Amino acid sequence: MLCERCGQEVDSIKCQRCGEMILGLGSFCYRCGNELEALPREPKEDPGGLDFSNRVLCSDGTCIGVINEEGTCKVCGKPYTPDA
């Protein structure tokens, strides 16, 4: 089933209470509010082979970005300052 928001493929499940097929994105049915049973899921492989262990976070304490190869933040564009 495709996510209504981002268009990516997401597992769908059938709600035990209302019987609707819904996206398996949360712990509750977004149609009726019923708490969904936990589904056994296989860990999905990372298609891009991304390694988050070596990322450097932006030195600006209010930014959520990471530093790119050029030494600047991908979100705010500020240069990385290691002592900040």
PDB file of N, CA and C in Angstrom:
ATOM      1  N   MET A   1       0.851  -1.165   0.000  1.00  0.00           N
ATOM      2  CA  MET A   1       0.000   0.000   0.000  1.00  0.00           C
ATOM      3  C   MET A   1       0.904   1.238   0.000  1.00  0.00           C
ATOM      4  N   LEU A   2       0.511   2.275  -0.709  1.00  0.00           N
ATOM      5  CA  LEU A   2       1.309   3.491  -0.778  1.00  0.00           C
ATOM      6  C   LEU A   2       0.916   4.460   0.334  1.00  0.00           C
ATOM      7  N   CYS A   3       1.909   5.087   0.945  1.00  0.00           N
ATOM      8  CA  CYS A   3       1.669   6.104   1.968  1.00  0.00           C
ATOM      9  C   CYS A   3       0.949   7.284   1.308  1.00  0.00           C
ATOM     10  N   GLU A   4      -0.121   7.742   1.958  1.00  0.00           N
ATOM     11  CA  GLU A   4      -0.905   8.848   1.418  1.00  0.00           C
ATOM     12  C   GLU A   4      -0.140  10.163   1.436  1.00  0.00           C
ATOM     13  N   ARG A   5       0.899  10.242   2.261  1.00  0.00           N
ATOM     14  CA  ARG A   5       1.640  11.484   2.420  1.00  0.00           C
ATOM     15  C   ARG A   5       2.884  11.555   1.545  1.00  0.00           C
ATOM     16  N   CYS A   6       3.713  10.496   1.601  1.00  0.00           N
ATOM     17  CA  CYS A   6       4.990  10.553   0.879  1.00  0.00           C
ATOM     18  C   CYS A   6       5.026   9.703  -0.385  1.00  0.00           C
ATOM     19  N   GLY A   7       4.061   8.799  -0.558  1.00  0.00           N
ATOM     20  CA  GLY A   7       4.008   7.977  -1.754  1.00  0.00           C
ATOM     21  C   GLY A   7       4.893   6.745  -1.735  1.00  0.00           C
ATOM     22  N   GLN A   8       5.567   6.470  -0.612  1.00  0.00           N
ATOM     23  CA  GLN A   8       6.423   5.292  -0.536  1.00  0.00           C
ATOM     24  C   GLN A   8       5.608   4.063  -0.158  1.00  0.00           C
ATOM     25  N   GLU A   9       6.116   2.902  -0.526  1.00  0.00           N
ATOM     26  CA  GLU A   9       5.460   1.640  -0.218  1.00  0.00           C
ATOM     27  C   GLU A   9       5.568   1.367   1.287  1.00  0.00           C
ATOM     28  N   VAL A  10       4.420   1.059   1.919  1.00  0.00           N
ATOM     29  CA  VAL A  10       4.359   0.784   3.353  1.00  0.00           C
ATOM     30  C   VAL A  10       3.528  -0.480   3.548  1.00  0.00           C
ATOM     31  N   ASP A  11       3.894  -1.298   4.535  1.00  0.00           N
ATOM     32  CA  ASP A  11       3.116  -2.485   4.843  1.00  0.00           C
ATOM     33  C   ASP A  11       1.710  -2.087   5.242  1.00  0.00           C
ATOM     34  N   SER A  12       0.727  -2.851   4.788  1.00  0.00           N
ATOM     35  CA  SER A  12      -0.647  -2.587   5.192  1.00  0.00           C
ATOM     36  C   SER A  12      -1.110  -3.720   6.097  1.00  0.00           C
ATOM     37  N   ILE A  13      -2.021  -3.396   6.995  1.00  0.00           N
ATOM     38  CA  ILE A  13      -2.568  -4.380   7.919  1.00  0.00           C
ATOM     39  C   ILE A  13      -4.074  -4.199   7.999  1.00  0.00           C
ATOM     40  N   LYS A  14      -4.745  -5.222   8.478  1.00  0.00           N
ATOM     41  CA  LYS A  14      -6.189  -5.155   8.641  1.00  0.00           C
ATOM     42  C   LYS A  14      -6.480  -4.926  10.121  1.00  0.00           C
ATOM     43  N   CYS A  15      -7.248  -3.877  10.406  1.00  0.00           N
ATOM     44  CA  CYS A  15      -7.623  -3.576  11.782  1.00  0.00           C
ATOM     45  C   CYS A  15      -8.542  -4.682  12.298  1.00  0.00           C
ATOM     46  N   GLN A  16      -8.285  -5.161  13.517  1.00  0.00           N
ATOM     47  CA  GLN A  16      -9.076  -6.240  14.095  1.00  0.00           C
ATOM     48  C   GLN A  16     -10.493  -5.779  14.470  1.00  0.00           C
ATOM     49  N   ARG A  17     -10.656  -4.479  14.732  1.00  0.00           N
ATOM     50  CA  ARG A  17     -11.969  -3.977  15.145  1.00  0.00           C
ATOM     51  C   ARG A  17     -12.836  -3.580  13.951  1.00  0.00           C
ATOM     52  N   CYS A  18     -12.356  -2.663  13.113  1.00  0.00           N
ATOM     53  CA  CYS A  18     -13.204  -2.127  12.036  1.00  0.00           C
ATOM     54  C   CYS A  18     -13.042  -2.874  10.716  1.00  0.00           C
ATOM     55  N   GLY A  19     -11.982  -3.688  10.582  1.00  0.00           N
ATOM     56  CA  GLY A  19     -11.798  -4.476   9.378  1.00  0.00           C
ATOM     57  C   GLY A  19     -11.195  -3.722   8.205  1.00  0.00           C
ATOM     58  N   GLU A  20     -10.863  -2.442   8.379  1.00  0.00           N
ATOM     59  CA  GLU A  20     -10.278  -1.636   7.299  1.00  0.00           C
ATOM     60  C   GLU A  20      -8.816  -2.020   7.075  1.00  0.00           C
ATOM     61  N   MET A  21      -8.393  -2.017   5.812  1.00  0.00           N
ATOM     62  CA  MET A  21      -6.980  -2.177   5.496  1.00  0.00           C
ATOM     63  C   MET A  21      -6.342  -0.802   5.640  1.00  0.00           C
ATOM     64  N   ILE A  22      -5.356  -0.707   6.522  1.00  0.00           N
ATOM     65  CA  ILE A  22      -4.711   0.571   6.802  1.00  0.00           C
ATOM     66  C   ILE A  22      -3.203   0.430   6.696  1.00  0.00           C
ATOM     67  N   LEU A  23      -2.528   1.560   6.625  1.00  0.00           N
ATOM     68  CA  LEU A  23      -1.067   1.557   6.615  1.00  0.00           C
ATOM     69  C   LEU A  23      -0.563   1.158   7.995  1.00  0.00           C
ATOM     70  N   GLY A  24       0.409   0.290   8.036  1.00  0.00           N
ATOM     71  CA  GLY A  24       0.963  -0.176   9.302  1.00  0.00           C
ATOM     72  C   GLY A  24       2.026   0.772   9.824  1.00  0.00           C
ATOM     73  N   LEU A  25       1.643   1.996  10.122  1.00  0.00           N
ATOM     74  CA  LEU A  25       2.605   3.018  10.532  1.00  0.00           C
ATOM     75  C   LEU A  25       2.606   3.302  12.019  1.00  0.00           C
ATOM     76  N   GLY A  26       1.610   2.872  12.736  1.00  0.00           N
ATOM     77  CA  GLY A  26       1.541   3.219  14.146  1.00  0.00           C
ATOM     78  C   GLY A  26       0.969   2.099  14.981  1.00  0.00           C
ATOM     79  N   SER A  27       0.697   2.412  16.238  1.00  0.00           N
ATOM     80  CA  SER A  27       0.180   1.432  17.177  1.00  0.00           C
ATOM     81  C   SER A  27      -1.340   1.419  17.239  1.00  0.00           C
ATOM     82  N   PHE A  28      -1.972   2.391  16.570  1.00  0.00           N
ATOM     83  CA  PHE A  28      -3.422   2.505  16.612  1.00  0.00           C
ATOM     84  C   PHE A  28      -3.978   2.645  15.206  1.00  0.00           C
ATOM     85  N   CYS A  29      -5.193   2.150  15.002  1.00  0.00           N
ATOM     86  CA  CYS A  29      -5.890   2.296  13.728  1.00  0.00           C
ATOM     87  C   CYS A  29      -6.291   3.752  13.570  1.00  0.00           C
ATOM     88  N   TYR A  30      -5.959   4.352  12.439  1.00  0.00           N
ATOM     89  CA  TYR A  30      -6.303   5.757  12.225  1.00  0.00           C
ATOM     90  C   TYR A  30      -7.728   5.921  11.722  1.00  0.00           C
ATOM     91  N   ARG A  31      -8.462   4.837  11.561  1.00  0.00           N
ATOM     92  CA  ARG A  31      -9.882   4.906  11.190  1.00  0.00           C
ATOM     93  C   ARG A  31     -10.776   4.867  12.428  1.00  0.00           C
ATOM     94  N   CYS A  32     -10.492   3.926  13.371  1.00  0.00           N
ATOM     95  CA  CYS A  32     -11.380   3.755  14.525  1.00  0.00           C
ATOM     96  C   CYS A  32     -10.701   3.946  15.875  1.00  0.00           C
ATOM     97  N   GLY A  33      -9.363   4.022  15.909  1.00  0.00           N
ATOM     98  CA  GLY A  33      -8.652   4.248  17.163  1.00  0.00           C
ATOM     99  C   GLY A  33      -8.278   2.992  17.926  1.00  0.00           C
ATOM    100  N   ASN A  34      -8.608   1.829  17.392  1.00  0.00           N
ATOM    101  CA  ASN A  34      -8.300   0.566  18.055  1.00  0.00           C
ATOM    102  C   ASN A  34      -6.789   0.368  18.161  1.00  0.00           C
ATOM    103  N   GLU A  35      -6.327  -0.145  19.310  1.00  0.00           N
ATOM    104  CA  GLU A  35      -4.904  -0.454  19.454  1.00  0.00           C
ATOM    105  C   GLU A  35      -4.597  -1.698  18.635  1.00  0.00           C
ATOM    106  N   LEU A  36      -3.596  -1.607  17.784  1.00  0.00           N
ATOM    107  CA  LEU A  36      -3.248  -2.694  16.879  1.00  0.00           C
ATOM    108  C   LEU A  36      -2.274  -3.656  17.543  1.00  0.00           C
ATOM    109  N   GLU A  37      -2.395  -4.914  17.173  1.00  0.00           N
ATOM    110  CA  GLU A  37      -1.459  -5.912  17.669  1.00  0.00           C
ATOM    111  C   GLU A  37      -0.110  -5.688  17.003  1.00  0.00           C
ATOM    112  N   ALA A  38       0.953  -5.920  17.745  1.00  0.00           N
ATOM    113  CA  ALA A  38       2.299  -5.765  17.184  1.00  0.00           C
ATOM    114  C   ALA A  38       2.512  -6.825  16.113  1.00  0.00           C
ATOM    115  N   LEU A  39       2.992  -6.391  14.972  1.00  0.00           N
ATOM    116  CA  LEU A  39       3.254  -7.305  13.874  1.00  0.00           C
ATOM    117  C   LEU A  39       4.707  -7.735  13.885  1.00  0.00           C
ATOM    118  N   PRO A  40       4.960  -9.018  13.685  1.00  0.00           N
ATOM    119  CA  PRO A  40       6.357  -9.413  13.533  1.00  0.00           C
ATOM    120  C   PRO A  40       6.868  -8.884  12.202  1.00  0.00           C
ATOM    121  N   ARG A  41       7.888  -8.073  12.244  1.00  0.00           N
ATOM    122  CA  ARG A  41       8.406  -7.450  11.028  1.00  0.00           C
ATOM    123  C   ARG A  41       9.856  -7.832  10.825  1.00  0.00           C
ATOM    124  N   GLU A  42      10.174  -8.031   9.574  1.00  0.00           N
ATOM    125  CA  GLU A  42      11.565  -8.278   9.224  1.00  0.00           C
ATOM    126  C   GLU A  42      12.278  -6.938   9.163  1.00  0.00           C
ATOM    127  N   PRO A  43      13.493  -6.862   9.665  1.00  0.00           N
ATOM    128  CA  PRO A  43      14.215  -5.600   9.530  1.00  0.00           C
ATOM    129  C   PRO A  43      14.460  -5.318   8.055  1.00  0.00           C
ATOM    130  N   LYS A  44      14.125  -4.116   7.633  1.00  0.00           N
ATOM    131  CA  LYS A  44      14.318  -3.746   6.236  1.00  0.00           C
ATOM    132  C   LYS A  44      15.773  -3.362   6.016  1.00  0.00           C
ATOM    133  N   GLU A  45      16.287  -3.838   4.898  1.00  0.00           N
ATOM    134  CA  GLU A  45      17.661  -3.496   4.558  1.00  0.00           C
ATOM    135  C   GLU A  45      17.734  -2.042   4.125  1.00  0.00           C
ATOM    136  N   ASP A  46      18.841  -1.416   4.459  1.00  0.00           N
ATOM    137  CA  ASP A  46      19.059  -0.031   4.061  1.00  0.00           C
ATOM    138  C   ASP A  46      19.507  -0.023   2.607  1.00  0.00           C
ATOM    139  N   PRO A  47      18.640   0.434   1.690  1.00  0.00           N
ATOM    140  CA  PRO A  47      18.992   0.365   0.274  1.00  0.00           C
ATOM    141  C   PRO A  47      20.175   1.235  -0.111  1.00  0.00           C
ATOM    142  N   GLY A  48      20.398   2.313   0.615  1.00  0.00           N
ATOM    143  CA  GLY A  48      21.490   3.200   0.266  1.00  0.00           C
ATOM    144  C   GLY A  48      22.778   2.861   0.968  1.00  0.00           C
ATOM    145  N   GLY A  49      22.744   1.925   1.894  1.00  0.00           N
ATOM    146  CA  GLY A  49      23.933   1.582   2.638  1.00  0.00           C
ATOM    147  C   GLY A  49      24.438   2.742   3.478  1.00  0.00           C
ATOM    148  N   LEU A  50      23.521   3.548   4.013  1.00  0.00           N
ATOM    149  CA  LEU A  50      23.914   4.725   4.780  1.00  0.00           C
ATOM    150  C   LEU A  50      24.533   4.325   6.107  1.00  0.00           C
ATOM    151  N   ASP A  51      25.584   5.012   6.489  1.00  0.00           N
ATOM    152  CA  ASP A  51      26.266   4.762   7.753  1.00  0.00           C
ATOM    153  C   ASP A  51      26.159   6.025   8.592  1.00  0.00           C
ATOM    154  N   PHE A  52      25.286   6.001   9.603  1.00  0.00           N
ATOM    155  CA  PHE A  52      25.065   7.169  10.438  1.00  0.00           C
ATOM    156  C   PHE A  52      26.070   7.278  11.593  1.00  0.00           C
ATOM    157  N   SER A  53      26.933   6.292  11.762  1.00  0.00           N
ATOM    158  CA  SER A  53      27.864   6.307  12.892  1.00  0.00           C
ATOM    159  C   SER A  53      28.944   7.378  12.753  1.00  0.00           C
ATOM    160  N   ASN A  54      29.224   7.843  11.547  1.00  0.00           N
ATOM    161  CA  ASN A  54      30.286   8.828  11.345  1.00  0.00           C
ATOM    162  C   ASN A  54      29.770  10.229  11.055  1.00  0.00           C
ATOM    163  N   ARG A  55      28.468  10.458  11.192  1.00  0.00           N
ATOM    164  CA  ARG A  55      27.926  11.783  10.873  1.00  0.00           C
ATOM    165  C   ARG A  55      28.350  12.810  11.917  1.00  0.00           C
ATOM    166  N   VAL A  56      28.483  14.034  11.489  1.00  0.00           N
ATOM    167  CA  VAL A  56      28.851  15.142  12.377  1.00  0.00           C
ATOM    168  C   VAL A  56      27.670  16.098  12.406  1.00  0.00           C
ATOM    169  N   LEU A  57      27.144  16.325  13.603  1.00  0.00           N
ATOM    170  CA  LEU A  57      25.997  17.209  13.751  1.00  0.00           C
ATOM    171  C   LEU A  57      26.419  18.665  13.679  1.00  0.00           C
ATOM    172  N   CYS A  58      25.498  19.513  13.261  1.00  0.00           N
ATOM    173  CA  CYS A  58      25.752  20.945  13.159  1.00  0.00           C
ATOM    174  C   CYS A  58      26.166  21.496  14.517  1.00  0.00           C
ATOM    175  N   SER A  59      27.142  22.370  14.524  1.00  0.00           N
ATOM    176  CA  SER A  59      27.641  22.938  15.778  1.00  0.00           C
ATOM    177  C   SER A  59      26.740  24.044  16.318  1.00  0.00           C
ATOM    178  N   ASP A  60      25.777  24.517  15.519  1.00  0.00           N
ATOM    179  CA  ASP A  60      24.796  25.491  15.996  1.00  0.00           C
ATOM    180  C   ASP A  60      23.807  24.737  16.877  1.00  0.00           C
ATOM    181  N   GLY A  61      23.702  25.080  18.112  1.00  0.00           N
ATOM    182  CA  GLY A  61      22.880  24.358  19.072  1.00  0.00           C
ATOM    183  C   GLY A  61      21.394  24.340  18.770  1.00  0.00           C
ATOM    184  N   THR A  62      20.931  25.162  17.841  1.00  0.00           N
ATOM    185  CA  THR A  62      19.509  25.203  17.525  1.00  0.00           C
ATOM    186  C   THR A  62      19.172  24.520  16.207  1.00  0.00           C
ATOM    187  N   CYS A  63      20.167  24.017  15.491  1.00  0.00           N
ATOM    188  CA  CYS A  63      19.965  23.413  14.174  1.00  0.00           C
ATOM    189  C   CYS A  63      19.964  21.888  14.293  1.00  0.00           C
ATOM    190  N   ILE A  64      19.204  21.227  13.432  1.00  0.00           N
ATOM    191  CA  ILE A  64      19.135  19.765  13.443  1.00  0.00           C
ATOM    192  C   ILE A  64      19.925  19.134  12.292  1.00  0.00           C
ATOM    193  N   GLY A  65      20.667  19.919  11.555  1.00  0.00           N
ATOM    194  CA  GLY A  65      21.369  19.430  10.374  1.00  0.00           C
ATOM    195  C   GLY A  65      22.645  18.670  10.676  1.00  0.00           C
ATOM    196  N   VAL A  66      23.236  18.119   9.620  1.00  0.00           N
ATOM    197  CA  VAL A  66      24.519  17.436   9.694  1.00  0.00           C
ATOM    198  C   VAL A  66      25.486  18.126   8.741  1.00  0.00           C
ATOM    199  N   ILE A  67      26.762  17.955   9.003  1.00  0.00           N
ATOM    200  CA  ILE A  67      27.809  18.598   8.220  1.00  0.00           C
ATOM    201  C   ILE A  67      28.086  17.780   6.957  1.00  0.00           C
ATOM    202  N   ASN A  68      28.156  18.464   5.817  1.00  0.00           N
ATOM    203  CA  ASN A  68      28.427  17.787   4.543  1.00  0.00           C
ATOM    204  C   ASN A  68      29.931  17.716   4.277  1.00  0.00           C
ATOM    205  N   GLU A  69      30.289  17.224   3.113  1.00  0.00           N
ATOM    206  CA  GLU A  69      31.693  17.038   2.746  1.00  0.00           C
ATOM    207  C   GLU A  69      32.462  18.354   2.658  1.00  0.00           C
ATOM    208  N   GLU A  70      31.762  19.451   2.378  1.00  0.00           N
ATOM    209  CA  GLU A  70      32.406  20.766   2.274  1.00  0.00           C
ATOM    210  C   GLU A  70      32.610  21.434   3.626  1.00  0.00           C
ATOM    211  N   GLY A  71      32.116  20.818   4.711  1.00  0.00           N
ATOM    212  CA  GLY A  71      32.295  21.375   6.045  1.00  0.00           C
ATOM    213  C   GLY A  71      31.209  22.347   6.473  1.00  0.00           C
ATOM    214  N   THR A  72      30.091  22.373   5.744  1.00  0.00           N
ATOM    215  CA  THR A  72      28.980  23.245   6.116  1.00  0.00           C
ATOM    216  C   THR A  72      27.746  22.409   6.414  1.00  0.00           C
ATOM    217  N   CYS A  73      26.834  22.992   7.171  1.00  0.00           N
ATOM    218  CA  CYS A  73      25.609  22.304   7.550  1.00  0.00           C
ATOM    219  C   CYS A  73      24.677  22.180   6.345  1.00  0.00           C
ATOM    220  N   LYS A  74      24.071  21.013   6.176  1.00  0.00           N
ATOM    221  CA  LYS A  74      23.146  20.777   5.071  1.00  0.00           C
ATOM    222  C   LYS A  74      21.823  21.514   5.257  1.00  0.00           C
ATOM    223  N   VAL A  75      21.508  21.936   6.482  1.00  0.00           N
ATOM    224  CA  VAL A  75      20.232  22.610   6.747  1.00  0.00           C
ATOM    225  C   VAL A  75      20.395  24.124   6.784  1.00  0.00           C
ATOM    226  N   CYS A  76      21.286  24.610   7.651  1.00  0.00           N
ATOM    227  CA  CYS A  76      21.395  26.057   7.830  1.00  0.00           C
ATOM    228  C   CYS A  76      22.536  26.680   7.027  1.00  0.00           C
ATOM    229  N   GLY A  77      23.464  25.864   6.534  1.00  0.00           N
ATOM    230  CA  GLY A  77      24.548  26.370   5.705  1.00  0.00           C
ATOM    231  C   GLY A  77      25.728  26.956   6.458  1.00  0.00           C
ATOM    232  N   LYS A  78      25.671  26.945   7.790  1.00  0.00           N
ATOM    233  CA  LYS A  78      26.780  27.503   8.575  1.00  0.00           C
ATOM    234  C   LYS A  78      27.975  26.554   8.543  1.00  0.00           C
ATOM    235  N   PRO A  79      29.189  27.092   8.579  1.00  0.00           N
ATOM    236  CA  PRO A  79      30.379  26.240   8.640  1.00  0.00           C
ATOM    237  C   PRO A  79      30.481  25.571   9.992  1.00  0.00           C
ATOM    238  N   TYR A  80      31.053  24.363   9.997  1.00  0.00           N
ATOM    239  CA  TYR A  80      31.211  23.612  11.246  1.00  0.00           C
ATOM    240  C   TYR A  80      32.275  24.262  12.123  1.00  0.00           C
ATOM    241  N   THR A  81      31.940  24.463  13.381  1.00  0.00           N
ATOM    242  CA  THR A  81      32.868  24.997  14.390  1.00  0.00           C
ATOM    243  C   THR A  81      32.994  23.960  15.502  1.00  0.00           C
ATOM    244  N   PRO A  82      34.101  23.209  15.542  1.00  0.00           N
ATOM    245  CA  PRO A  82      34.219  22.115  16.502  1.00  0.00           C
ATOM    246  C   PRO A  82      34.172  22.554  17.959  1.00  0.00           C
ATOM    247  N   ASP A  83      34.543  23.771  18.281  1.00  0.00           N
ATOM    248  CA  ASP A  83      34.590  24.219  19.667  1.00  0.00           C
ATOM    249  C   ASP A  83      33.263  24.798  20.147  1.00  0.00           C
ATOM    250  N   ALA A  84      32.261  24.823  19.302  1.00  0.00           N
ATOM    251  CA  ALA A  84      30.991  25.461  19.661  1.00  0.00           C
ATOM    252  C   ALA A  84      30.187  24.627  20.616  1.00  0.00           C
TER     253      ALA A  84
END
